[in-house]
PDB file of N, CA and C in Angstrom:
ATOM      1  N   MET A   1     102.535 107.483  99.158  1.00  0.00           N
ATOM      2  CA  MET A   1     102.626 106.080  98.808  1.00  0.00           C
ATOM      3  C   MET A   1     101.204 105.561  98.537  1.00  0.00           C
ATOM      4  N   ASN A   2     101.012 104.986  97.341  1.00  0.00           N
ATOM      5  CA  ASN A   2      99.683 104.465  97.005  1.00  0.00           C
ATOM      6  C   ASN A   2      99.491 103.058  97.583  1.00  0.00           C
ATOM      7  N   ASN A   3      98.302 102.521  97.410  1.00  0.00           N
ATOM      8  CA  ASN A   3      97.975 101.218  98.004  1.00  0.00           C
ATOM      9  C   ASN A   3      98.838 100.090  97.460  1.00  0.00           C
ATOM     10  N   THR A   4      99.149 100.141  96.170  1.00  0.00           N
ATOM     11  CA  THR A   4      99.996  99.102  95.583  1.00  0.00           C
ATOM     12  C   THR A   4     101.377  99.141  96.207  1.00  0.00           C
ATOM     13  N   GLU A   5     101.932 100.329  96.335  1.00  0.00           N
ATOM     14  CA  GLU A   5     103.256 100.459  96.949  1.00  0.00           C
ATOM     15  C   GLU A   5     103.241  99.984  98.400  1.00  0.00           C
ATOM     16  N   LYS A   6     102.174 100.299  99.116  1.00  0.00           N
ATOM     17  CA  LYS A   6     102.044  99.845 100.508  1.00  0.00           C
ATOM     18  C   LYS A   6     101.972  98.321 100.573  1.00  0.00           C
ATOM     19  N   ALA A   7     101.200  97.735  99.665  1.00  0.00           N
ATOM     20  CA  ALA A   7     101.072  96.275  99.639  1.00  0.00           C
ATOM     21  C   ALA A   7     102.420  95.627  99.346  1.00  0.00           C
ATOM     22  N   ILE A   8     103.128  96.161  98.365  1.00  0.00           N
ATOM     23  CA  ILE A   8     104.443  95.617  98.018  1.00  0.00           C
ATOM     24  C   ILE A   8     105.382  95.707  99.213  1.00  0.00           C
ATOM     25  N   LYS A   9     105.387  96.836  99.874  1.00  0.00           N
ATOM     26  CA  LYS A   9     106.248  97.021 101.048  1.00  0.00           C
ATOM     27  C   LYS A   9     105.906  95.998 102.134  1.00  0.00           C
ATOM     28  N   THR A  10     104.619  95.797 102.372  1.00  0.00           N
ATOM     29  CA  THR A  10     104.181  94.836 103.385  1.00  0.00           C
ATOM     30  C   THR A  10     104.579  93.414 103.007  1.00  0.00           C
ATOM     31  N   PHE A  11     104.345  93.037 101.756  1.00  0.00           N
ATOM     32  CA  PHE A  11     104.697  91.686 101.317  1.00  0.00           C
ATOM     33  C   PHE A  11     106.207  91.457 101.379  1.00  0.00           C
ATOM     34  N   LYS A  12     106.994  92.471 101.039  1.00  0.00           N
ATOM     35  CA  LYS A  12     108.450  92.323 101.116  1.00  0.00           C
ATOM     36  C   LYS A  12     108.908  92.175 102.565  1.00  0.00           C
ATOM     37  N   LEU A  13     108.218  92.831 103.473  1.00  0.00           N
ATOM     38  CA  LEU A  13     108.523  92.681 104.896  1.00  0.00           C
ATOM     39  C   LEU A  13     108.258  91.240 105.336  1.00  0.00           C
ATOM     40  N   ILE A  14     107.161  90.676 104.874  1.00  0.00           N
ATOM     41  CA  ILE A  14     106.851  89.276 105.192  1.00  0.00           C
ATOM     42  C   ILE A  14     107.940  88.365 104.638  1.00  0.00           C
ATOM     43  N   LEU A  15     108.369  88.626 103.398  1.00  0.00           N
ATOM     44  CA  LEU A  15     109.413  87.794 102.787  1.00  0.00           C
ATOM     45  C   LEU A  15     110.742  87.918 103.516  1.00  0.00           C
ATOM     46  N   SER A  16     110.987  89.057 104.145  1.00  0.00           N
ATOM     47  CA  SER A  16     112.247  89.217 104.877  1.00  0.00           C
ATOM     48  C   SER A  16     112.315  88.246 106.058  1.00  0.00           C
ATOM     49  N   ASN A  17     111.167  87.797 106.534  1.00  0.00           N
ATOM     50  CA  ASN A  17     111.116  86.810 107.616  1.00  0.00           C
ATOM     51  C   ASN A  17     111.025  85.383 107.098  1.00  0.00           C
ATOM     52  N   ASP A  18     110.467  85.210 105.910  1.00  0.00           N
ATOM     53  CA  ASP A  18     110.313  83.879 105.315  1.00  0.00           C
ATOM     54  C   ASP A  18     110.326  84.032 103.799  1.00  0.00           C
ATOM     55  N   GLU A  19     111.521  83.943 103.224  1.00  0.00           N
ATOM     56  CA  GLU A  19     111.670  84.228 101.790  1.00  0.00           C
ATOM     57  C   GLU A  19     111.023  83.203 100.875  1.00  0.00           C
ATOM     58  N   SER A  20     110.558  82.099 101.432  1.00  0.00           N
ATOM     59  CA  SER A  20     109.910  81.090 100.590  1.00  0.00           C
ATOM     60  C   SER A  20     108.413  80.981 100.873  1.00  0.00           C
ATOM     61  N   HIS A  21     107.836  82.005 101.468  1.00  0.00           N
ATOM     62  CA  HIS A  21     106.399  81.995 101.780  1.00  0.00           C
ATOM     63  C   HIS A  21     105.612  82.126 100.477  1.00  0.00           C
ATOM     64  N   ILE A  22     105.075  81.021 100.020  1.00  0.00           N
ATOM     65  CA  ILE A  22     104.464  80.953  98.692  1.00  0.00           C
ATOM     66  C   ILE A  22     103.296  81.922  98.510  1.00  0.00           C
ATOM     67  N   PRO A  23     102.367  82.042  99.457  1.00  0.00           N
ATOM     68  CA  PRO A  23     101.284  83.015  99.240  1.00  0.00           C
ATOM     69  C   PRO A  23     101.790  84.450  99.049  1.00  0.00           C
ATOM     70  N   THR A  24     102.865  84.795  99.743  1.00  0.00           N
ATOM     71  CA  THR A  24     103.429  86.144  99.596  1.00  0.00           C
ATOM     72  C   THR A  24     104.130  86.288  98.256  1.00  0.00           C
ATOM     73  N   LEU A  25     104.886  85.278  97.851  1.00  0.00           N
ATOM     74  CA  LEU A  25     105.526  85.307  96.531  1.00  0.00           C
ATOM     75  C   LEU A  25     104.469  85.448  95.441  1.00  0.00           C
ATOM     76  N   PHE A  26     103.377  84.702  95.605  1.00  0.00           N
ATOM     77  CA  PHE A  26     102.283  84.742  94.635  1.00  0.00           C
ATOM     78  C   PHE A  26     101.668  86.144  94.577  1.00  0.00           C
ATOM     79  N   SER A  27     101.417  86.722  95.735  1.00  0.00           N
ATOM     80  CA  SER A  27     100.820  88.067  95.783  1.00  0.00           C
ATOM     81  C   SER A  27     101.735  89.104  95.153  1.00  0.00           C
ATOM     82  N   LEU A  28     103.026  89.031  95.454  1.00  0.00           N
ATOM     83  CA  LEU A  28     103.969  89.978  94.848  1.00  0.00           C
ATOM     84  C   LEU A  28     104.037  89.788  93.340  1.00  0.00           C
ATOM     85  N   GLY A  29     104.075  88.545  92.895  1.00  0.00           N
ATOM     86  CA  GLY A  29     104.085  88.286  91.460  1.00  0.00           C
ATOM     87  C   GLY A  29     102.876  88.883  90.776  1.00  0.00           C
ATOM     88  N   ASN A  30     101.719  88.703  91.382  1.00  0.00           N
ATOM     89  CA  ASN A  30     100.497  89.260  90.795  1.00  0.00           C
ATOM     90  C   ASN A  30     100.512  90.778  90.781  1.00  0.00           C
ATOM     91  N   LEU A  31     100.983  91.400  91.840  1.00  0.00           N
ATOM     92  CA  LEU A  31     101.068  92.869  91.855  1.00  0.00           C
ATOM     93  C   LEU A  31     102.022  93.373  90.776  1.00  0.00           C
ATOM     94  N   TYR A  32     103.176  92.729  90.671  1.00  0.00           N
ATOM     95  CA  TYR A  32     104.172  93.186  89.699  1.00  0.00           C
ATOM     96  C   TYR A  32     103.772  92.909  88.253  1.00  0.00           C
ATOM     97  N   ARG A  33     102.817  92.014  88.021  1.00  0.00           N
ATOM     98  CA  ARG A  33     102.351  91.790  86.640  1.00  0.00           C
ATOM     99  C   ARG A  33     101.840  93.080  86.022  1.00  0.00           C
ATOM    100  N   TYR A  34     101.357  93.991  86.853  1.00  0.00           N
ATOM    101  CA  TYR A  34     100.811  95.263  86.356  1.00  0.00           C
ATOM    102  C   TYR A  34     101.847  96.379  86.350  1.00  0.00           C
ATOM    103  N   ILE A  35     103.045  96.074  86.848  1.00  0.00           N
ATOM    104  CA  ILE A  35     104.096  97.089  86.942  1.00  0.00           C
ATOM    105  C   ILE A  35     105.296  96.709  86.081  1.00  0.00           C
ATOM    106  N   ASP A  36     105.790  95.480  86.278  1.00  0.00           N
ATOM    107  CA  ASP A  36     107.001  95.034  85.588  1.00  0.00           C
ATOM    108  C   ASP A  36     106.963  93.507  85.502  1.00  0.00           C
ATOM    109  N   ASN A  37     106.717  92.997  84.302  1.00  0.00           N
ATOM    110  CA  ASN A  37     106.592  91.550  84.119  1.00  0.00           C
ATOM    111  C   ASN A  37     107.875  90.797  84.438  1.00  0.00           C
ATOM    112  N   ASN A  38     109.030  91.432  84.244  1.00  0.00           N
ATOM    113  CA  ASN A  38     110.286  90.760  84.575  1.00  0.00           C
ATOM    114  C   ASN A  38     110.405  90.512  86.072  1.00  0.00           C
ATOM    115  N   ILE A  39     109.994  91.480  86.866  1.00  0.00           N
ATOM    116  CA  ILE A  39     110.017  91.295  88.320  1.00  0.00           C
ATOM    117  C   ILE A  39     108.980  90.248  88.716  1.00  0.00           C
ATOM    118  N   ALA A  40     107.808  90.307  88.109  1.00  0.00           N
ATOM    119  CA  ALA A  40     106.771  89.306  88.390  1.00  0.00           C
ATOM    120  C   ALA A  40     107.306  87.901  88.122  1.00  0.00           C
ATOM    121  N   LEU A  41     108.018  87.752  87.019  1.00  0.00           N
ATOM    122  CA  LEU A  41     108.581  86.445  86.675  1.00  0.00           C
ATOM    123  C   LEU A  41     109.490  85.917  87.777  1.00  0.00           C
ATOM    124  N   SER A  42     110.277  86.794  88.382  1.00  0.00           N
ATOM    125  CA  SER A  42     111.202  86.334  89.424  1.00  0.00           C
ATOM    126  C   SER A  42     110.445  85.740  90.610  1.00  0.00           C
ATOM    127  N   TYR A  43     109.318  86.331  90.966  1.00  0.00           N
ATOM    128  CA  TYR A  43     108.523  85.791  92.071  1.00  0.00           C
ATOM    129  C   TYR A  43     107.844  84.483  91.678  1.00  0.00           C
ATOM    130  N   PHE A  44     107.304  84.430  90.470  1.00  0.00           N
ATOM    131  CA  PHE A  44     106.648  83.202  90.021  1.00  0.00           C
ATOM    132  C   PHE A  44     107.649  82.056  89.863  1.00  0.00           C
ATOM    133  N   GLU A  45     108.848  82.368  89.371  1.00  0.00           N
ATOM    134  CA  GLU A  45     109.885  81.338  89.224  1.00  0.00           C
ATOM    135  C   GLU A  45     110.297  80.796  90.592  1.00  0.00           C
ATOM    136  N   ALA A  46     110.323  81.663  91.610  1.00  0.00           N
ATOM    137  CA  ALA A  46     110.659  81.208  92.965  1.00  0.00           C
ATOM    138  C   ALA A  46     109.625  80.198  93.463  1.00  0.00           C
ATOM    139  N   ILE A  47     108.367  80.435  93.132  1.00  0.00           N
ATOM    140  CA  ILE A  47     107.317  79.475  93.514  1.00  0.00           C
ATOM    141  C   ILE A  47     107.511  78.168  92.758  1.00  0.00           C
ATOM    142  N   LEU A  48     107.810  78.282  91.468  1.00  0.00           N
ATOM    143  CA  LEU A  48     107.947  77.096  90.626  1.00  0.00           C
ATOM    144  C   LEU A  48     109.074  76.184  91.111  1.00  0.00           C
ATOM    145  N   LYS A  49     110.116  76.759  91.709  1.00  0.00           N
ATOM    146  CA  LYS A  49     111.205  75.937  92.251  1.00  0.00           C
ATOM    147  C   LYS A  49     110.697  75.036  93.373  1.00  0.00           C
ATOM    148  N   LYS A  50     109.722  75.515  94.119  1.00  0.00           N
ATOM    149  CA  LYS A  50     109.167  74.738  95.232  1.00  0.00           C
ATOM    150  C   LYS A  50     107.969  73.891  94.800  1.00  0.00           C
ATOM    151  N   GLU A  51     107.241  74.379  93.810  1.00  0.00           N
ATOM    152  CA  GLU A  51     106.036  73.687  93.332  1.00  0.00           C
ATOM    153  C   GLU A  51     106.068  73.601  91.806  1.00  0.00           C
ATOM    154  N   PRO A  52     106.898  72.715  91.256  1.00  0.00           N
ATOM    155  CA  PRO A  52     107.071  72.674  89.796  1.00  0.00           C
ATOM    156  C   PRO A  52     105.819  72.286  89.014  1.00  0.00           C
ATOM    157  N   ASP A  53     104.842  71.705  89.678  1.00  0.00           N
ATOM    158  CA  ASP A  53     103.606  71.307  88.993  1.00  0.00           C
ATOM    159  C   ASP A  53     102.456  72.270  89.250  1.00  0.00           C
ATOM    160  N   ASN A  54     102.756  73.464  89.718  1.00  0.00           N
ATOM    161  CA  ASN A  54     101.720  74.463  89.995  1.00  0.00           C
ATOM    162  C   ASN A  54     101.272  75.071  88.666  1.00  0.00           C
ATOM    163  N   THR A  55     100.155  74.578  88.154  1.00  0.00           N
ATOM    164  CA  THR A  55      99.709  74.999  86.823  1.00  0.00           C
ATOM    165  C   THR A  55      99.266  76.456  86.787  1.00  0.00           C
ATOM    166  N   GLU A  56      98.755  76.960  87.899  1.00  0.00           N
ATOM    167  CA  GLU A  56      98.360  78.371  87.929  1.00  0.00           C
ATOM    168  C   GLU A  56      99.584  79.266  87.754  1.00  0.00           C
ATOM    169  N   VAL A  57     100.667  78.907  88.418  1.00  0.00           N
ATOM    170  CA  VAL A  57     101.903  79.686  88.302  1.00  0.00           C
ATOM    171  C   VAL A  57     102.503  79.524  86.905  1.00  0.00           C
ATOM    172  N   LEU A  58     102.478  78.321  86.372  1.00  0.00           N
ATOM    173  CA  LEU A  58     102.969  78.122  85.006  1.00  0.00           C
ATOM    174  C   LEU A  58     102.211  79.012  84.023  1.00  0.00           C
ATOM    175  N   SER A  59     100.914  79.088  84.195  1.00  0.00           N
ATOM    176  CA  SER A  59     100.090  79.911  83.314  1.00  0.00           C
ATOM    177  C   SER A  59     100.377  81.403  83.507  1.00  0.00           C
ATOM    178  N   LEU A  60     100.615  81.813  84.742  1.00  0.00           N
ATOM    179  CA  LEU A  60     100.959  83.219  84.997  1.00  0.00           C
ATOM    180  C   LEU A  60     102.318  83.571  84.393  1.00  0.00           C
ATOM    181  N   ILE A  61     103.254  82.639  84.459  1.00  0.00           N
ATOM    182  CA  ILE A  61     104.557  82.855  83.819  1.00  0.00           C
ATOM    183  C   ILE A  61     104.360  82.989  82.313  1.00  0.00           C
ATOM    184  N   ALA A  62     103.531  82.132  81.742  1.00  0.00           N
ATOM    185  CA  ALA A  62     103.232  82.225  80.305  1.00  0.00           C
ATOM    186  C   ALA A  62     102.643  83.587  79.971  1.00  0.00           C
ATOM    187  N   SER A  63     101.761  84.072  80.813  1.00  0.00           N
ATOM    188  CA  SER A  63     101.145  85.382  80.595  1.00  0.00           C
ATOM    189  C   SER A  63     102.185  86.497  80.637  1.00  0.00           C
ATOM    190  N   CYS A  64     103.108  86.412  81.581  1.00  0.00           N
ATOM    191  CA  CYS A  64     104.173  87.424  81.659  1.00  0.00           C
ATOM    192  C   CYS A  64     105.017  87.415  80.387  1.00  0.00           C
ATOM    193  N   TYR A  65     105.410  86.221  79.954  1.00  0.00           N
ATOM    194  CA  TYR A  65     106.203  86.135  78.722  1.00  0.00           C
ATOM    195  C   TYR A  65     105.414  86.656  77.523  1.00  0.00           C
ATOM    196  N   ASP A  66     104.135  86.372  77.483  1.00  0.00           N
ATOM    197  CA  ASP A  66     103.279  86.906  76.425  1.00  0.00           C
ATOM    198  C   ASP A  66     103.308  88.434  76.454  1.00  0.00           C
ATOM    199  N   ASN A  67     103.160  89.011  77.635  1.00  0.00           N
ATOM    200  CA  ASN A  67     103.188  90.474  77.767  1.00  0.00           C
ATOM    201  C   ASN A  67     104.528  91.067  77.360  1.00  0.00           C
ATOM    202  N   LEU A  68     105.595  90.288  77.522  1.00  0.00           N
ATOM    203  CA  LEU A  68     106.932  90.750  77.148  1.00  0.00           C
ATOM    204  C   LEU A  68     107.240  90.492  75.674  1.00  0.00           C
ATOM    205  N   GLY A  69     106.289  89.892  74.954  1.00  0.00           N
ATOM    206  CA  GLY A  69     106.489  89.608  73.538  1.00  0.00           C
ATOM    207  C   GLY A  69     107.334  88.372  73.281  1.00  0.00           C
ATOM    208  N   LYS A  70     107.510  87.536  74.292  1.00  0.00           N
ATOM    209  CA  LYS A  70     108.311  86.315  74.158  1.00  0.00           C
ATOM    210  C   LYS A  70     107.356  85.130  74.009  1.00  0.00           C
ATOM    211  N   ILE A  71     106.795  85.033  72.822  1.00  0.00           N
ATOM    212  CA  ILE A  71     105.717  84.080  72.572  1.00  0.00           C
ATOM    213  C   ILE A  71     106.172  82.625  72.695  1.00  0.00           C
ATOM    214  N   ASN A  72     107.391  82.308  72.254  1.00  0.00           N
ATOM    215  CA  ASN A  72     107.862  80.922  72.351  1.00  0.00           C
ATOM    216  C   ASN A  72     107.966  80.467  73.802  1.00  0.00           C
ATOM    217  N   GLU A  73     108.496  81.342  74.662  1.00  0.00           N
ATOM    218  CA  GLU A  73     108.585  81.018  76.087  1.00  0.00           C
ATOM    219  C   GLU A  73     107.185  80.877  76.682  1.00  0.00           C
ATOM    220  N   ALA A  74     106.284  81.772  76.275  1.00  0.00           N
ATOM    221  CA  ALA A  74     104.906  81.720  76.770  1.00  0.00           C
ATOM    222  C   ALA A  74     104.263  80.386  76.409  1.00  0.00           C
ATOM    223  N   ILE A  75     104.419  79.976  75.171  1.00  0.00           N
ATOM    224  CA  ILE A  75     103.839  78.705  74.718  1.00  0.00           C
ATOM    225  C   ILE A  75     104.434  77.538  75.497  1.00  0.00           C
ATOM    226  N   SER A  76     105.732  77.564  75.710  1.00  0.00           N
ATOM    227  CA  SER A  76     106.396  76.483  76.434  1.00  0.00           C
ATOM    228  C   SER A  76     105.827  76.307  77.842  1.00  0.00           C
ATOM    229  N   TYR A  77     105.703  77.404  78.567  1.00  0.00           N
ATOM    230  CA  TYR A  77     105.170  77.319  79.930  1.00  0.00           C
ATOM    231  C   TYR A  77     103.692  76.937  79.930  1.00  0.00           C
ATOM    232  N   GLN A  78     102.944  77.477  78.989  1.00  0.00           N
ATOM    233  CA  GLN A  78     101.515  77.158  78.964  1.00  0.00           C
ATOM    234  C   GLN A  78     101.292  75.702  78.586  1.00  0.00           C
ATOM    235  N   ASN A  79     102.115  75.190  77.683  1.00  0.00           N
ATOM    236  CA  ASN A  79     102.000  73.776  77.324  1.00  0.00           C
ATOM    237  C   ASN A  79     102.299  72.875  78.519  1.00  0.00           C
ATOM    238  N   LYS A  80     103.256  73.288  79.372  1.00  0.00           N
ATOM    239  CA  LYS A  80     103.536  72.516  80.591  1.00  0.00           C
ATOM    240  C   LYS A  80     102.296  72.475  81.485  1.00  0.00           C
ATOM    241  N   ALA A  81     101.616  73.607  81.607  1.00  0.00           N
ATOM    242  CA  ALA A  81     100.396  73.656  82.425  1.00  0.00           C
ATOM    243  C   ALA A  81      99.343  72.703  81.868  1.00  0.00           C
ATOM    244  N   VAL A  82      99.205  72.672  80.549  1.00  0.00           N
ATOM    245  CA  VAL A  82      98.219  71.789  79.911  1.00  0.00           C
ATOM    246  C   VAL A  82      98.613  70.323  80.100  1.00  0.00           C
ATOM    247  N   GLN A  83      99.899  70.019  79.990  1.00  0.00           N
ATOM    248  CA  GLN A  83     100.349  68.636  80.176  1.00  0.00           C
ATOM    249  C   GLN A  83     100.053  68.139  81.587  1.00  0.00           C
ATOM    250  N   ILE A  84     100.229  69.008  82.571  1.00  0.00           N
ATOM    251  CA  ILE A  84      99.997  68.625  83.966  1.00  0.00           C
ATOM    252  C   ILE A  84      98.507  68.512  84.268  1.00  0.00           C
ATOM    253  N   ASP A  85      97.723  69.420  83.709  1.00  0.00           N
ATOM    254  CA  ASP A  85      96.276  69.448  83.980  1.00  0.00           C
ATOM    255  C   ASP A  85      95.507  69.543  82.662  1.00  0.00           C
ATOM    256  N   PRO A  86      95.457  68.427  81.912  1.00  0.00           N
ATOM    257  CA  PRO A  86      94.846  68.462  80.578  1.00  0.00           C
ATOM    258  C   PRO A  86      93.342  68.726  80.573  1.00  0.00           C
ATOM    259  N   ASP A  87      92.700  68.610  81.717  1.00  0.00           N
ATOM    260  CA  ASP A  87      91.255  68.850  81.774  1.00  0.00           C
ATOM    261  C   ASP A  87      90.900  70.302  82.086  1.00  0.00           C
ATOM    262  N   ASN A  88      91.908  71.132  82.306  1.00  0.00           N
ATOM    263  CA  ASN A  88      91.646  72.535  82.638  1.00  0.00           C
ATOM    264  C   ASN A  88      91.364  73.314  81.353  1.00  0.00           C
ATOM    265  N   PHE A  89      90.119  73.700  81.181  1.00  0.00           N
ATOM    266  CA  PHE A  89      89.688  74.398  79.968  1.00  0.00           C
ATOM    267  C   PHE A  89      90.448  75.710  79.768  1.00  0.00           C
ATOM    268  N   ASN A  90      90.631  76.481  80.829  1.00  0.00           N
ATOM    269  CA  ASN A  90      91.302  77.781  80.700  1.00  0.00           C
ATOM    270  C   ASN A  90      92.749  77.638  80.256  1.00  0.00           C
ATOM    271  N   HIS A  91      93.436  76.617  80.766  1.00  0.00           N
ATOM    272  CA  HIS A  91      94.823  76.393  80.347  1.00  0.00           C
ATOM    273  C   HIS A  91      94.883  76.057  78.856  1.00  0.00           C
ATOM    274  N   LYS A  92      93.969  75.181  78.425  1.00  0.00           N
ATOM    275  CA  LYS A  92      93.954  74.798  77.005  1.00  0.00           C
ATOM    276  C   LYS A  92      93.587  75.981  76.114  1.00  0.00           C
ATOM    277  N   LYS A  93      92.627  76.766  76.556  1.00  0.00           N
ATOM    278  CA  LYS A  93      92.187  77.925  75.772  1.00  0.00           C
ATOM    279  C   LYS A  93      93.323  78.936  75.613  1.00  0.00           C
ATOM    280  N   PHE A  94      94.060  79.209  76.703  1.00  0.00           N
ATOM    281  CA  PHE A  94      95.168  80.161  76.636  1.00  0.00           C
ATOM    282  C   PHE A  94      96.288  79.612  75.752  1.00  0.00           C
ATOM    283  N   ALA A  95      96.575  78.315  75.858  1.00  0.00           N
ATOM    284  CA  ALA A  95      97.601  77.707  75.007  1.00  0.00           C
ATOM    285  C   ALA A  95      97.221  77.846  73.536  1.00  0.00           C
ATOM    286  N   GLN A  96      95.967  77.598  73.232  1.00  0.00           N
ATOM    287  CA  GLN A  96      95.496  77.722  71.849  1.00  0.00           C
ATOM    288  C   GLN A  96      95.629  79.164  71.357  1.00  0.00           C
ATOM    289  N   ARG A  97      95.266  80.123  72.207  1.00  0.00           N
ATOM    290  CA  ARG A  97      95.370  81.531  71.823  1.00  0.00           C
ATOM    291  C   ARG A  97      96.823  81.918  71.552  1.00  0.00           C
ATOM    292  N   LEU A  98      97.741  81.436  72.377  1.00  0.00           N
ATOM    293  CA  LEU A  98      99.160  81.743  72.173  1.00  0.00           C
ATOM    294  C   LEU A  98      99.656  81.168  70.847  1.00  0.00           C
ATOM    295  N   ILE A  99      99.266  79.939  70.555  1.00  0.00           N
ATOM    296  CA  ILE A  99      99.689  79.303  69.302  1.00  0.00           C
ATOM    297  C   ILE A  99      99.118  80.055  68.103  1.00  0.00           C
ATOM    298  N   GLU A 100      97.871  80.488  68.211  1.00  0.00           N
ATOM    299  CA  GLU A 100      97.266  81.274  67.126  1.00  0.00           C
ATOM    300  C   GLU A 100      97.993  82.605  66.949  1.00  0.00           C
ATOM    301  N   MET A 101      98.371  83.233  68.051  1.00  0.00           N
ATOM    302  CA  MET A 101      99.105  84.503  67.964  1.00  0.00           C
ATOM    303  C   MET A 101     100.444  84.297  67.267  1.00  0.00           C
ATOM    304  N   LYS A 102     101.116  83.191  67.582  1.00  0.00           N
ATOM    305  CA  LYS A 102     102.410  82.918  66.965  1.00  0.00           C
ATOM    306  C   LYS A 102     102.252  82.716  65.463  1.00  0.00           C
ATOM    307  N   SER A 103     101.201  82.020  65.064  1.00  0.00           N
ATOM    308  CA  SER A 103     101.008  81.746  63.636  1.00  0.00           C
ATOM    309  C   SER A 103     100.663  83.008  62.851  1.00  0.00           C
ATOM    310  N   GLN A 104     100.166  84.035  63.538  1.00  0.00           N
ATOM    311  CA  GLN A 104      99.831  85.293  62.866  1.00  0.00           C
ATOM    312  C   GLN A 104     101.046  86.202  62.686  1.00  0.00           C
ATOM    313  N   ASN A 105     102.112  85.896  63.402  1.00  0.00           N
ATOM    314  CA  ASN A 105     103.316  86.754  63.308  1.00  0.00           C
ATOM    315  C   ASN A 105     104.262  86.298  62.251  1.00  0.00           C
TER     316      ASN A 105
END
């Protein structure tokens, strides 16, 4: 068992005691971004149900959709992040990049 698998196992054990523990959901989502974006989305969506204005999670969801080739969904989530936090340069930059990618397709 490698370190990633060990971390996932540990985080899932924590969730078995508290399935809404946001830091653990966040950690699992981030780990799964490198393994399976669909699974990562499920963890990020669970956070969003509790924290709908979490712009970091909105942006991570946009990134997952981008990785899955679902550019319209990615733009939608990233635009929500920009609407909530219009002064965040990184959110605006990523939204712009997604829109440019869509226009090239």
